[in-house]
C-alpha cells in the first residue's frame, strides 16, 4: 500500500451520493467509533472492500491435485494436436505476425 504522504499529493477525484437517513446514521456512528469523519470512513471502507474484491477475483485457487497437474503439464507439455495447430495458423493470419 502506498504511504500516506504519497496519497496526500496524488491527483484527486470526487464522489458524491445521497443515502437514506438510516444508512447515514449508521455510517456516522461507525465513523465516530473510529474517531474519523463519515467521508474518510466511507472512502477507507470502500477502498478496503475494493481491494478485497480485486484480490479475490485475481487469484485462482486450485486443489493440490489440480496444481500438481498444471505443474506437470508445464514441465513437459503435450505435443500440439491438429486443432491447436490450425488455431495457431488462423491466429497468425488474423494478426499478421
PDB file of N, CA and C in Angstrom:
ATOM      1  N   UNK A   1       0.852  -1.178   0.000  1.00  0.00           N
ATOM      2  CA  UNK A   1       0.000   0.000   0.000  1.00  0.00           C
ATOM      3  C   UNK A   1       0.892   1.233   0.000  1.00  0.00           C
ATOM      4  N   UNK A   2       0.553   2.257  -0.818  1.00  0.00           N
ATOM      5  CA  UNK A   2       1.366   3.472  -0.860  1.00  0.00           C
ATOM      6  C   UNK A   2       1.326   4.183   0.488  1.00  0.00           C
ATOM      7  N   UNK A   3       2.420   4.896   0.793  1.00  0.00           N
ATOM      8  CA  UNK A   3       2.421   5.602   2.074  1.00  0.00           C
ATOM      9  C   UNK A   3       1.498   6.812   2.011  1.00  0.00           C
ATOM     10  N   UNK A   4       1.115   7.283   3.175  1.00  0.00           N
ATOM     11  CA  UNK A   4       0.125   8.365   3.274  1.00  0.00           C
ATOM     12  C   UNK A   4       0.635   9.661   2.635  1.00  0.00           C
ATOM     13  N   UNK A   5       1.935   9.919   2.723  1.00  0.00           N
ATOM     14  CA  UNK A   5       2.492  11.137   2.154  1.00  0.00           C
ATOM     15  C   UNK A   5       2.266  11.156   0.641  1.00  0.00           C
ATOM     16  N   UNK A   6       2.476  10.006   0.001  1.00  0.00           N
ATOM     17  CA  UNK A   6       2.255   9.891  -1.446  1.00  0.00           C
ATOM     18  C   UNK A   6       0.781  10.131  -1.777  1.00  0.00           C
ATOM     19  N   UNK A   7      -0.124   9.590  -0.977  1.00  0.00           N
ATOM     20  CA  UNK A   7      -1.560   9.747  -1.232  1.00  0.00           C
ATOM     21  C   UNK A   7      -1.994  11.202  -1.094  1.00  0.00           C
ATOM     22  N   UNK A   8      -1.363  11.935  -0.190  1.00  0.00           N
ATOM     23  CA  UNK A   8      -1.732  13.323   0.041  1.00  0.00           C
ATOM     24  C   UNK A   8      -1.516  14.172  -1.210  1.00  0.00           C
ATOM     25  N   UNK A   9      -0.520  13.817  -2.019  1.00  0.00           N
ATOM     26  CA  UNK A   9      -0.180  14.604  -3.194  1.00  0.00           C
ATOM     27  C   UNK A   9      -0.683  13.977  -4.497  1.00  0.00           C
ATOM     28  N   UNK A  10      -1.409  12.887  -4.403  1.00  0.00           N
ATOM     29  CA  UNK A  10      -1.927  12.213  -5.603  1.00  0.00           C
ATOM     30  C   UNK A  10      -3.099  13.012  -6.173  1.00  0.00           C
ATOM     31  N   UNK A  11      -3.325  12.899  -7.487  1.00  0.00           N
ATOM     32  CA  UNK A  11      -4.485  13.575  -8.083  1.00  0.00           C
ATOM     33  C   UNK A  11      -5.774  13.094  -7.404  1.00  0.00           C
ATOM     34  N   UNK A  12      -6.727  13.981  -7.255  1.00  0.00           N
ATOM     35  CA  UNK A  12      -7.968  13.668  -6.543  1.00  0.00           C
ATOM     36  C   UNK A  12      -9.134  13.531  -7.497  1.00  0.00           C
ATOM     37  N   UNK A  13     -10.086  12.691  -7.149  1.00  0.00           N
ATOM     38  CA  UNK A  13     -11.363  12.536  -7.849  1.00  0.00           C
ATOM     39  C   UNK A  13     -12.460  12.812  -6.828  1.00  0.00           C
ATOM     40  N   UNK A  14     -13.647  13.071  -7.308  1.00  0.00           N
ATOM     41  CA  UNK A  14     -14.752  13.449  -6.436  1.00  0.00           C
ATOM     42  C   UNK A  14     -15.852  12.399  -6.482  1.00  0.00           C
ATOM     43  N   UNK A  15     -16.370  12.030  -5.305  1.00  0.00           N
ATOM     44  CA  UNK A  15     -17.510  11.109  -5.207  1.00  0.00           C
ATOM     45  C   UNK A  15     -18.613  11.841  -4.463  1.00  0.00           C
ATOM     46  N   UNK A  16     -19.815  11.731  -4.974  1.00  0.00           N
ATOM     47  CA  UNK A  16     -20.958  12.345  -4.321  1.00  0.00           C
ATOM     48  C   UNK A  16     -22.116  11.365  -4.365  1.00  0.00           C
ATOM     49  N   UNK A  17     -22.930  11.380  -3.349  1.00  0.00           N
ATOM     50  CA  UNK A  17     -24.094  10.498  -3.365  1.00  0.00           C
ATOM     51  C   UNK A  17     -25.036  10.789  -2.220  1.00  0.00           C
ATOM     52  N   UNK A  18     -26.268  10.422  -2.420  1.00  0.00           N
ATOM     53  CA  UNK A  18     -27.280  10.586  -1.381  1.00  0.00           C
ATOM     54  C   UNK A  18     -27.593   9.221  -0.802  1.00  0.00           C
ATOM     55  N   UNK A  19     -27.774   9.185   0.508  1.00  0.00           N
ATOM     56  CA  UNK A  19     -28.120   7.923   1.176  1.00  0.00           C
ATOM     57  C   UNK A  19     -29.300   8.167   2.103  1.00  0.00           C
ATOM     58  N   UNK A  20     -30.099   7.137   2.343  1.00  0.00           N
ATOM     59  CA  UNK A  20     -31.198   7.280   3.290  1.00  0.00           C
ATOM     60  C   UNK A  20     -30.668   7.652   4.679  1.00  0.00           C
ATOM     61  N   UNK A  21     -31.486   8.345   5.430  1.00  0.00           N
ATOM     62  CA  UNK A  21     -31.083   8.835   6.757  1.00  0.00           C
ATOM     63  C   UNK A  21     -30.607   7.704   7.664  1.00  0.00           C
ATOM     64  N   UNK A  22     -31.260   6.557   7.594  1.00  0.00           N
ATOM     65  CA  UNK A  22     -30.864   5.431   8.443  1.00  0.00           C
ATOM     66  C   UNK A  22     -29.459   4.959   8.144  1.00  0.00           C
ATOM     67  N   UNK A  23     -29.125   4.906   6.869  1.00  0.00           N
ATOM     68  CA  UNK A  23     -27.771   4.493   6.485  1.00  0.00           C
ATOM     69  C   UNK A  23     -26.768   5.559   6.908  1.00  0.00           C
ATOM     70  N   UNK A  24     -27.121   6.818   6.706  1.00  0.00           N
ATOM     71  CA  UNK A  24     -26.234   7.910   7.130  1.00  0.00           C
ATOM     72  C   UNK A  24     -25.939   7.818   8.626  1.00  0.00           C
ATOM     73  N   UNK A  25     -26.986   7.571   9.411  1.00  0.00           N
ATOM     74  CA  UNK A  25     -26.797   7.462  10.865  1.00  0.00           C
ATOM     75  C   UNK A  25     -25.851   6.325  11.219  1.00  0.00           C
ATOM     76  N   UNK A  26     -25.995   5.195  10.523  1.00  0.00           N
ATOM     77  CA  UNK A  26     -25.106   4.053  10.767  1.00  0.00           C
ATOM     78  C   UNK A  26     -23.663   4.419  10.418  1.00  0.00           C
ATOM     79  N   UNK A  27     -23.474   5.056   9.266  1.00  0.00           N
ATOM     80  CA  UNK A  27     -22.134   5.470   8.853  1.00  0.00           C
ATOM     81  C   UNK A  27     -21.534   6.463   9.847  1.00  0.00           C
ATOM     82  N   UNK A  28     -22.356   7.378  10.285  1.00  0.00           N
ATOM     83  CA  UNK A  28     -21.904   8.392  11.244  1.00  0.00           C
ATOM     84  C   UNK A  28     -21.475   7.760  12.563  1.00  0.00           C
ATOM     85  N   UNK A  29     -22.263   6.807  13.047  1.00  0.00           N
ATOM     86  CA  UNK A  29     -21.917   6.118  14.297  1.00  0.00           C
ATOM     87  C   UNK A  29     -20.613   5.349  14.153  1.00  0.00           C
ATOM     88  N   UNK A  30     -20.473   4.620  13.047  1.00  0.00           N
ATOM     89  CA  UNK A  30     -19.259   3.843  12.831  1.00  0.00           C
ATOM     90  C   UNK A  30     -18.041   4.762  12.735  1.00  0.00           C
ATOM     91  N   UNK A  31     -18.182   5.870  12.019  1.00  0.00           N
ATOM     92  CA  UNK A  31     -17.080   6.823  11.884  1.00  0.00           C
ATOM     93  C   UNK A  31     -16.698   7.393  13.253  1.00  0.00           C
ATOM     94  N   UNK A  32     -17.702   7.714  14.066  1.00  0.00           N
ATOM     95  CA  UNK A  32     -17.431   8.246  15.401  1.00  0.00           C
ATOM     96  C   UNK A  32     -16.661   7.244  16.250  1.00  0.00           C
ATOM     97  N   UNK A  33     -17.046   5.966  16.171  1.00  0.00           N
ATOM     98  CA  UNK A  33     -16.339   4.927  16.930  1.00  0.00           C
ATOM     99  C   UNK A  33     -14.863   4.875  16.549  1.00  0.00           C
ATOM    100  N   UNK A  34     -14.575   5.140  15.285  1.00  0.00           N
ATOM    101  CA  UNK A  34     -13.190   5.101  14.807  1.00  0.00           C
ATOM    102  C   UNK A  34     -12.492   6.447  14.900  1.00  0.00           C
ATOM    103  N   UNK A  35     -13.218   7.457  15.336  1.00  0.00           N
ATOM    104  CA  UNK A  35     -12.621   8.778  15.502  1.00  0.00           C
ATOM    105  C   UNK A  35     -12.286   9.451  14.181  1.00  0.00           C
ATOM    106  N   UNK A  36     -13.156   9.292  13.196  1.00  0.00           N
ATOM    107  CA  UNK A  36     -12.916   9.875  11.891  1.00  0.00           C
ATOM    108  C   UNK A  36     -14.197  10.489  11.356  1.00  0.00           C
ATOM    109  N   UNK A  37     -14.115  11.117  10.204  1.00  0.00           N
ATOM    110  CA  UNK A  37     -15.311  11.696   9.597  1.00  0.00           C
ATOM    111  C   UNK A  37     -16.031  10.637   8.772  1.00  0.00           C
ATOM    112  N   UNK A  38     -17.285  10.911   8.451  1.00  0.00           N
ATOM    113  CA  UNK A  38     -18.055   9.992   7.613  1.00  0.00           C
ATOM    114  C   UNK A  38     -17.375   9.866   6.251  1.00  0.00           C
ATOM    115  N   UNK A  39     -16.937  10.977   5.695  1.00  0.00           N
ATOM    116  CA  UNK A  39     -16.300  10.953   4.375  1.00  0.00           C
ATOM    117  C   UNK A  39     -15.061  10.055   4.390  1.00  0.00           C
ATOM    118  N   UNK A  40     -14.192  10.239   5.368  1.00  0.00           N
ATOM    119  CA  UNK A  40     -12.982   9.416   5.460  1.00  0.00           C
ATOM    120  C   UNK A  40     -13.341   7.956   5.707  1.00  0.00           C
ATOM    121  N   UNK A  41     -14.334   7.729   6.563  1.00  0.00           N
ATOM    122  CA  UNK A  41     -14.758   6.360   6.854  1.00  0.00           C
ATOM    123  C   UNK A  41     -15.259   5.666   5.593  1.00  0.00           C
ATOM    124  N   UNK A  42     -16.096   6.342   4.826  1.00  0.00           N
ATOM    125  CA  UNK A  42     -16.657   5.754   3.607  1.00  0.00           C
ATOM    126  C   UNK A  42     -15.548   5.460   2.598  1.00  0.00           C
ATOM    127  N   UNK A  43     -14.636   6.407   2.406  1.00  0.00           N
ATOM    128  CA  UNK A  43     -13.556   6.205   1.444  1.00  0.00           C
ATOM    129  C   UNK A  43     -12.648   5.052   1.886  1.00  0.00           C
ATOM    130  N   UNK A  44     -12.269   5.023   3.152  1.00  0.00           N
ATOM    131  CA  UNK A  44     -11.391   3.956   3.648  1.00  0.00           C
ATOM    132  C   UNK A  44     -12.065   2.586   3.555  1.00  0.00           C
ATOM    133  N   UNK A  45     -13.337   2.535   3.931  1.00  0.00           N
ATOM    134  CA  UNK A  45     -14.064   1.276   3.897  1.00  0.00           C
ATOM    135  C   UNK A  45     -14.283   0.793   2.466  1.00  0.00           C
ATOM    136  N   UNK A  46     -14.651   1.704   1.588  1.00  0.00           N
ATOM    137  CA  UNK A  46     -14.853   1.340   0.184  1.00  0.00           C
ATOM    138  C   UNK A  46     -13.538   0.874  -0.439  1.00  0.00           C
ATOM    139  N   UNK A  47     -12.444   1.549  -0.136  1.00  0.00           N
ATOM    140  CA  UNK A  47     -11.140   1.157  -0.659  1.00  0.00           C
ATOM    141  C   UNK A  47     -10.746  -0.231  -0.166  1.00  0.00           C
ATOM    142  N   UNK A  48     -10.950  -0.485   1.117  1.00  0.00           N
ATOM    143  CA  UNK A  48     -10.621  -1.797   1.698  1.00  0.00           C
ATOM    144  C   UNK A  48     -11.441  -2.899   1.025  1.00  0.00           C
ATOM    145  N   UNK A  49     -12.739  -2.641   0.833  1.00  0.00           N
ATOM    146  CA  UNK A  49     -13.611  -3.626   0.191  1.00  0.00           C
ATOM    147  C   UNK A  49     -13.219  -3.829  -1.263  1.00  0.00           C
ATOM    148  N   UNK A  50     -12.905  -2.769  -1.972  1.00  0.00           N
ATOM    149  CA  UNK A  50     -12.498  -2.866  -3.377  1.00  0.00           C
ATOM    150  C   UNK A  50     -11.216  -3.688  -3.510  1.00  0.00           C
ATOM    151  N   UNK A  51     -10.251  -3.436  -2.641  1.00  0.00           N
ATOM    152  CA  UNK A  51      -9.004  -4.210  -2.679  1.00  0.00           C
ATOM    153  C   UNK A  51      -9.269  -5.688  -2.400  1.00  0.00           C
ATOM    154  N   UNK A  52     -10.165  -5.961  -1.463  1.00  0.00           N
ATOM    155  CA  UNK A  52     -10.515  -7.352  -1.140  1.00  0.00           C
ATOM    156  C   UNK A  52     -11.141  -8.040  -2.360  1.00  0.00           C
ATOM    157  N   UNK A  53     -12.063  -7.354  -3.023  1.00  0.00           N
ATOM    158  CA  UNK A  53     -12.709  -7.917  -4.215  1.00  0.00           C
ATOM    159  C   UNK A  53     -11.674  -8.178  -5.301  1.00  0.00           C
ATOM    160  N   UNK A  54     -10.791  -7.217  -5.537  1.00  0.00           N
ATOM    161  CA  UNK A  54      -9.768  -7.390  -6.567  1.00  0.00           C
ATOM    162  C   UNK A  54      -8.835  -8.555  -6.228  1.00  0.00           C
ATOM    163  N   UNK A  55      -8.466  -8.673  -4.958  1.00  0.00           N
ATOM    164  CA  UNK A  55      -7.622  -9.791  -4.540  1.00  0.00           C
ATOM    165  C   UNK A  55      -8.326 -11.125  -4.773  1.00  0.00           C
ATOM    166  N   UNK A  56      -9.597 -11.197  -4.408  1.00  0.00           N
ATOM    167  CA  UNK A  56     -10.356 -12.444  -4.565  1.00  0.00           C
ATOM    168  C   UNK A  56     -10.543 -12.806  -6.029  1.00  0.00           C
ATOM    169  N   UNK A  57     -10.782 -11.823  -6.866  1.00  0.00           N
ATOM    170  CA  UNK A  57     -11.064 -12.082  -8.276  1.00  0.00           C
ATOM    171  C   UNK A  57      -9.811 -12.285  -9.113  1.00  0.00           C
ATOM    172  N   UNK A  58      -8.643 -11.908  -8.600  1.00  0.00           N
ATOM    173  CA  UNK A  58      -7.426 -12.041  -9.393  1.00  0.00           C
ATOM    174  C   UNK A  58      -6.591 -13.253  -8.996  1.00  0.00           C
ATOM    175  N   UNK A  59      -7.062 -14.020  -8.036  1.00  0.00           N
ATOM    176  CA  UNK A  59      -6.343 -15.208  -7.590  1.00  0.00           C
ATOM    177  C   UNK A  59      -7.125 -16.442  -8.011  1.00  0.00           C
ATOM    178  N   UNK A  60      -6.434 -17.381  -8.620  1.00  0.00           N
ATOM    179  CA  UNK A  60      -7.056 -18.647  -8.993  1.00  0.00           C
ATOM    180  C   UNK A  60      -6.704 -19.658  -7.911  1.00  0.00           C
ATOM    181  N   UNK A  61      -7.702 -20.229  -7.321  1.00  0.00           N
ATOM    182  CA  UNK A  61      -7.475 -21.211  -6.267  1.00  0.00           C
ATOM    183  C   UNK A  61      -7.616 -22.609  -6.854  1.00  0.00           C
ATOM    184  N   UNK A  62      -6.607 -23.430  -6.605  1.00  0.00           N
ATOM    185  CA  UNK A  62      -6.592 -24.796  -7.113  1.00  0.00           C
ATOM    186  C   UNK A  62      -6.433 -25.777  -5.968  1.00  0.00           C
ATOM    187  N   UNK A  63      -6.983 -26.959  -6.161  1.00  0.00           N
ATOM    188  CA  UNK A  63      -6.713 -28.025  -5.204  1.00  0.00           C
ATOM    189  C   UNK A  63      -5.251 -28.439  -5.392  1.00  0.00           C
ATOM    190  N   UNK A  64      -4.728 -29.160  -4.429  1.00  0.00           N
ATOM    191  CA  UNK A  64      -3.353 -29.631  -4.526  1.00  0.00           C
ATOM    192  C   UNK A  64      -3.197 -30.518  -5.757  1.00  0.00           C
ATOM    193  N   UNK A  65      -4.187 -31.354  -6.001  1.00  0.00           N
ATOM    194  CA  UNK A  65      -4.158 -32.271  -7.153  1.00  0.00           C
ATOM    195  C   UNK A  65      -4.122 -31.486  -8.478  1.00  0.00           C
ATOM    196  N   UNK A  66      -4.989 -30.476  -8.607  1.00  0.00           N
ATOM    197  CA  UNK A  66      -5.013 -29.671  -9.840  1.00  0.00           C
ATOM    198  C   UNK A  66      -3.716 -28.892 -10.026  1.00  0.00           C
ATOM    199  N   UNK A  67      -3.170 -28.368  -8.948  1.00  0.00           N
ATOM    200  CA  UNK A  67      -1.903 -27.635  -9.040  1.00  0.00           C
ATOM    201  C   UNK A  67      -0.793 -28.567  -9.533  1.00  0.00           C
ATOM    202  N   UNK A  68      -0.776 -29.800  -9.036  1.00  0.00           N
ATOM    203  CA  UNK A  68       0.230 -30.764  -9.475  1.00  0.00           C
ATOM    204  C   UNK A  68       0.079 -31.086 -10.959  1.00  0.00           C
ATOM    205  N   UNK A  69      -1.182 -31.215 -11.438  1.00  0.00           N
ATOM    206  CA  UNK A  69      -1.413 -31.482 -12.860  1.00  0.00           C
ATOM    207  C   UNK A  69      -0.860 -30.350 -13.715  1.00  0.00           C
ATOM    208  N   UNK A  70      -1.125 -29.121 -13.310  1.00  0.00           N
ATOM    209  CA  UNK A  70      -0.646 -27.966 -14.076  1.00  0.00           C
ATOM    210  C   UNK A  70       0.878 -27.913 -14.087  1.00  0.00           C
ATOM    211  N   UNK A  71       1.489 -28.141 -12.934  1.00  0.00           N
ATOM    212  CA  UNK A  71       2.956 -28.117 -12.872  1.00  0.00           C
ATOM    213  C   UNK A  71       3.557 -29.220 -13.739  1.00  0.00           C
ATOM    214  N   UNK A  72       2.934 -30.383 -13.747  1.00  0.00           N
ATOM    215  CA  UNK A  72       3.403 -31.483 -14.593  1.00  0.00           C
ATOM    216  C   UNK A  72       3.304 -31.109 -16.064  1.00  0.00           C
ATOM    217  N   UNK A  73       2.161 -30.531 -16.469  1.00  0.00           N
ATOM    218  CA  UNK A  73       1.983 -30.118 -17.863  1.00  0.00           C
ATOM    219  C   UNK A  73       2.955 -29.010 -18.259  1.00  0.00           C
ATOM    220  N   UNK A  74       3.227 -28.096 -17.350  1.00  0.00           N
ATOM    221  CA  UNK A  74       4.186 -27.036 -17.645  1.00  0.00           C
ATOM    222  C   UNK A  74       5.595 -27.602 -17.789  1.00  0.00           C
ATOM    223  N   UNK A  75       5.896 -28.614 -16.985  1.00  0.00           N
ATOM    224  CA  UNK A  75       7.222 -29.240 -17.031  1.00  0.00           C
ATOM    225  C   UNK A  75       7.446 -30.043 -18.299  1.00  0.00           C
ATOM    226  N   UNK A  76       6.418 -30.676 -18.776  1.00  0.00           N
ATOM    227  CA  UNK A  76       6.543 -31.443 -20.019  1.00  0.00           C
ATOM    228  C   UNK A  76       5.213 -31.369 -20.763  1.00  0.00           C
ATOM    229  N   UNK A  77       5.025 -30.292 -21.528  1.00  0.00           N
ATOM    230  CA  UNK A  77       3.749 -30.081 -22.218  1.00  0.00           C
ATOM    231  C   UNK A  77       3.522 -31.132 -23.311  1.00  0.00           C
ATOM    232  N   UNK A  78       2.262 -31.470 -23.579  1.00  0.00           N
ATOM    233  CA  UNK A  78       1.974 -32.413 -24.662  1.00  0.00           C
ATOM    234  C   UNK A  78       2.265 -31.764 -26.014  1.00  0.00           C
ATOM    235  N   UNK A  79       2.462 -32.585 -27.023  1.00  0.00           N
ATOM    236  CA  UNK A  79       2.684 -32.062 -28.376  1.00  0.00           C
ATOM    237  C   UNK A  79       1.386 -31.444 -28.882  1.00  0.00           C
ATOM    238  N   UNK A  80       1.487 -30.358 -29.666  1.00  0.00           N
ATOM    239  CA  UNK A  80       0.267 -29.725 -30.189  1.00  0.00           C
ATOM    240  C   UNK A  80      -0.510 -30.676 -31.105  1.00  0.00           C
ATOM    241  N   UNK A  81      -1.822 -30.720 -30.926  1.00  0.00           N
ATOM    242  CA  UNK A  81      -2.652 -31.553 -31.806  1.00  0.00           C
ATOM    243  C   UNK A  81      -3.074 -30.726 -33.028  1.00  0.00           C
ATOM    244  N   UNK A  82      -3.782 -31.339 -33.954  1.00  0.00           N
ATOM    245  CA  UNK A  82      -4.184 -30.690 -35.206  1.00  0.00           C
ATOM    246  C   UNK A  82      -5.012 -29.430 -34.934  1.00  0.00           C
ATOM    247  N   UNK A  83      -5.964 -29.510 -33.981  1.00  0.00           N
ATOM    248  CA  UNK A  83      -6.833 -28.361 -33.694  1.00  0.00           C
ATOM    249  C   UNK A  83      -6.018 -27.163 -33.194  1.00  0.00           C
ATOM    250  N   UNK A  84      -5.027 -27.417 -32.359  1.00  0.00           N
ATOM    251  CA  UNK A  84      -4.190 -26.327 -31.856  1.00  0.00           C
ATOM    252  C   UNK A  84      -3.347 -25.723 -32.972  1.00  0.00           C
ATOM    253  N   UNK A  85      -2.795 -26.572 -33.827  1.00  0.00           N
ATOM    254  CA  UNK A  85      -2.002 -26.068 -34.953  1.00  0.00           C
ATOM    255  C   UNK A  85      -2.865 -25.216 -35.894  1.00  0.00           C
ATOM    256  N   UNK A  86      -4.087 -25.677 -36.175  1.00  0.00           N
ATOM    257  CA  UNK A  86      -4.995 -24.912 -37.035  1.00  0.00           C
ATOM    258  C   UNK A  86      -5.345 -23.568 -36.401  1.00  0.00           C
ATOM    259  N   UNK A  87      -5.624 -23.588 -35.099  1.00  0.00           N
ATOM    260  CA  UNK A  87      -5.954 -22.346 -34.394  1.00  0.00           C
ATOM    261  C   UNK A  87      -4.780 -21.369 -34.430  1.00  0.00           C
ATOM    262  N   UNK A  88      -3.574 -21.886 -34.270  1.00  0.00           N
ATOM    263  CA  UNK A  88      -2.385 -21.027 -34.306  1.00  0.00           C
ATOM    264  C   UNK A  88      -2.225 -20.398 -35.692  1.00  0.00           C
ATOM    265  N   UNK A  89      -2.457 -21.175 -36.750  1.00  0.00           N
ATOM    266  CA  UNK A  89      -2.370 -20.637 -38.111  1.00  0.00           C
ATOM    267  C   UNK A  89      -3.390 -19.519 -38.314  1.00  0.00           C
ATOM    268  N   UNK A  90      -4.644 -19.764 -37.883  1.00  0.00           N
ATOM    269  CA  UNK A  90      -5.693 -18.738 -38.020  1.00  0.00           C
ATOM    270  C   UNK A  90      -5.327 -17.473 -37.252  1.00  0.00           C
ATOM    271  N   UNK A  91      -4.791 -17.659 -36.071  1.00  0.00           N
ATOM    272  CA  UNK A  91      -4.397 -16.513 -35.256  1.00  0.00           C
ATOM    273  C   UNK A  91      -3.289 -15.720 -35.947  1.00  0.00           C
ATOM    274  N   UNK A  92      -2.279 -16.419 -36.419  1.00  0.00           N
ATOM    275  CA  UNK A  92      -1.162 -15.733 -37.071  1.00  0.00           C
ATOM    276  C   UNK A  92      -1.605 -14.978 -38.305  1.00  0.00           C
ATOM    277  N   UNK A  93      -2.558 -15.533 -39.062  1.00  0.00           N
ATOM    278  CA  UNK A  93      -3.073 -14.841 -40.240  1.00  0.00           C
ATOM    279  C   UNK A  93      -3.866 -13.607 -39.828  1.00  0.00           C
ATOM    280  N   UNK A  94      -4.684 -13.748 -38.782  1.00  0.00           N
ATOM    281  CA  UNK A  94      -5.553 -12.633 -38.374  1.00  0.00           C
ATOM    282  C   UNK A  94      -4.780 -11.467 -37.767  1.00  0.00           C
ATOM    283  N   UNK A  95      -3.675 -11.732 -37.124  1.00  0.00           N
ATOM    284  CA  UNK A  95      -2.881 -10.639 -36.524  1.00  0.00           C
ATOM    285  C   UNK A  95      -1.629 -10.322 -37.324  1.00  0.00           C
ATOM    286  N   UNK A  96      -1.409 -11.036 -38.379  1.00  0.00           N
ATOM    287  CA  UNK A  96      -0.269 -10.832 -39.278  1.00  0.00           C
ATOM    288  C   UNK A  96       1.053 -10.781 -38.532  1.00  0.00           C
ATOM    289  N   UNK A  97       1.360 -11.855 -37.863  1.00  0.00           N
ATOM    290  CA  UNK A  97       2.615 -11.961 -37.099  1.00  0.00           C
ATOM    291  C   UNK A  97       3.771 -12.198 -38.042  1.00  0.00           C
TER     292      UNK A  97
END
